[in-house]
Amino acid sequence: MGTFIIVWVLSFLGNTKDEDPEPLQCIRQLILIMLPFGLLVLFISGNVVIFSLEWDADKTSPKYCHPLLYWYAYCVLLIPWACCGMLVLGMIVQSMCNIVKGLCKK
């Protein structure tokens, strides 16, 4: 259901026309600003739920879940965080290189 709503919102945003009334353009801008924040909140809350689960190794327990499912969930959540971390690290290194190049030119 959530995917359909996101697709509907994105299709709504893609139909921009210059003759659209001002309130409609304001609504589009508000949605474009709020949508990434909402998706970030969903992503972080998913992380909290997955990482707060307790791994029960007893196969007779009603809370038992196959370890492969836990490892898959951890990998699916950790890979985006690792990519974000590498991206931030790359931006920091690039900024430091630009600062050093600027100092060396003087």
Protein backbone atom coordinates (compact mmCIF):
# COMPACT_ATOMS: atom_id res chain seq x y z
CA MET A 1 0.00 0.00 0.00
CA GLY A 2 2.79 2.43 0.91
CA THR A 3 4.55 1.80 -2.39
CA PHE A 4 1.42 2.66 -4.34
CA ILE A 5 1.03 5.91 -2.41
CA ILE A 6 4.65 6.88 -3.09
CA VAL A 7 4.25 6.09 -6.81
CA TRP A 8 1.02 8.11 -6.91
CA VAL A 9 2.69 11.07 -5.20
CA LEU A 10 5.67 10.91 -7.59
CA SER A 11 3.38 10.77 -10.62
CA PHE A 12 1.48 13.75 -9.22
CA LEU A 13 4.74 15.66 -8.87
CA GLY A 14 5.86 14.80 -12.39
CA ASN A 15 2.90 16.54 -14.01
CA THR A 16 4.07 20.10 -13.54
CA LYS A 17 2.63 22.81 -15.72
CA ASP A 18 3.37 26.49 -15.73
CA GLU A 19 -0.32 27.32 -15.75
CA ASP A 20 -1.00 25.39 -12.52
CA PRO A 21 -2.49 27.55 -9.77
CA GLU A 22 -0.17 28.84 -7.08
CA PRO A 23 -1.58 26.67 -4.23
CA LEU A 24 -0.96 23.51 -6.29
CA GLN A 25 2.66 24.51 -6.88
CA CYS A 26 3.10 25.15 -3.14
CA ILE A 27 1.67 21.74 -2.32
CA ARG A 28 4.07 20.12 -4.80
CA GLN A 29 7.04 21.89 -3.24
CA LEU A 30 5.94 20.90 0.25
CA ILE A 31 5.61 17.25 -0.78
CA LEU A 32 9.01 17.32 -2.49
CA ILE A 33 10.54 18.62 0.73
CA MET A 34 8.69 16.32 3.15
CA LEU A 35 8.87 13.03 1.22
CA PRO A 36 12.59 12.37 1.79
CA PHE A 37 12.24 13.13 5.49
CA GLY A 38 9.32 10.71 5.78
CA LEU A 39 11.27 7.99 4.00
CA LEU A 40 14.25 8.63 6.28
CA VAL A 41 12.02 8.26 9.35
CA LEU A 42 10.66 4.96 8.01
CA PHE A 43 14.18 3.73 7.32
CA ILE A 44 15.44 4.60 10.80
CA SER A 45 12.38 3.09 12.51
CA GLY A 46 12.93 -0.10 10.50
CA ASN A 47 16.51 -0.17 11.76
CA VAL A 48 15.33 0.19 15.34
CA VAL A 49 12.84 -2.65 14.97
CA ILE A 50 15.27 -5.04 13.28
CA PHE A 51 18.21 -4.37 15.60
CA SER A 52 16.07 -4.62 18.75
CA LEU A 53 14.92 -8.16 17.91
CA GLU A 54 16.26 -10.93 20.10
CA TRP A 55 17.80 -13.91 18.37
CA ASP A 56 16.29 -17.06 19.87
CA ALA A 57 18.37 -20.09 18.84
CA ASP A 58 15.96 -22.62 20.38
CA LYS A 59 14.02 -24.17 17.49
CA THR A 60 11.15 -25.18 19.76
CA SER A 61 10.54 -21.61 20.91
CA PRO A 62 7.56 -19.78 19.38
CA LYS A 63 9.88 -16.79 18.82
CA TYR A 64 12.34 -18.87 16.76
CA CYS A 65 13.35 -17.48 13.41
CA HIS A 66 15.89 -18.95 11.01
CA PRO A 67 19.31 -17.26 11.39
CA LEU A 68 19.48 -16.60 7.64
CA LEU A 69 16.55 -14.20 7.96
CA TYR A 70 18.37 -12.23 10.64
CA TRP A 71 21.56 -12.06 8.58
CA TYR A 72 19.62 -10.95 5.50
CA ALA A 73 17.84 -8.20 7.45
CA TYR A 74 21.11 -7.01 8.97
CA CYS A 75 22.83 -6.92 5.56
CA VAL A 76 19.92 -5.11 3.91
CA LEU A 77 20.07 -2.46 6.62
CA LEU A 78 23.83 -2.19 7.05
CA ILE A 79 24.75 -1.87 3.36
CA PRO A 80 22.90 1.46 2.88
CA TRP A 81 24.41 2.82 6.12
CA ALA A 82 27.88 1.74 4.98
CA CYS A 83 27.34 3.39 1.59
CA CYS A 84 26.21 6.61 3.28
CA GLY A 85 29.26 6.50 5.53
CA MET A 86 31.61 6.00 2.58
CA LEU A 87 29.88 8.82 0.71
CA VAL A 88 30.31 11.20 3.65
CA LEU A 89 33.92 10.11 4.08
CA GLY A 90 34.56 10.70 0.38
CA MET A 91 33.04 14.18 0.61
CA ILE A 92 35.23 15.00 3.60
CA VAL A 93 38.37 13.79 1.80
CA GLN A 94 37.45 15.74 -1.33
CA SER A 95 36.82 18.89 0.71
CA MET A 96 40.15 18.50 2.48
CA CYS A 97 41.93 18.03 -0.87
CA ASN A 98 40.28 21.19 -2.23
CA ILE A 99 41.35 23.13 0.87
CA VAL A 100 44.93 21.91 0.54
CA LYS A 101 45.00 22.77 -3.19
CA GLY A 102 43.68 26.24 -2.37
CA LEU A 103 46.38 26.77 0.25
CA CYS A 104 49.13 25.55 -2.07
CA LYS A 105 48.12 28.00 -4.83
CA LYS A 106 48.64 30.99 -2.55
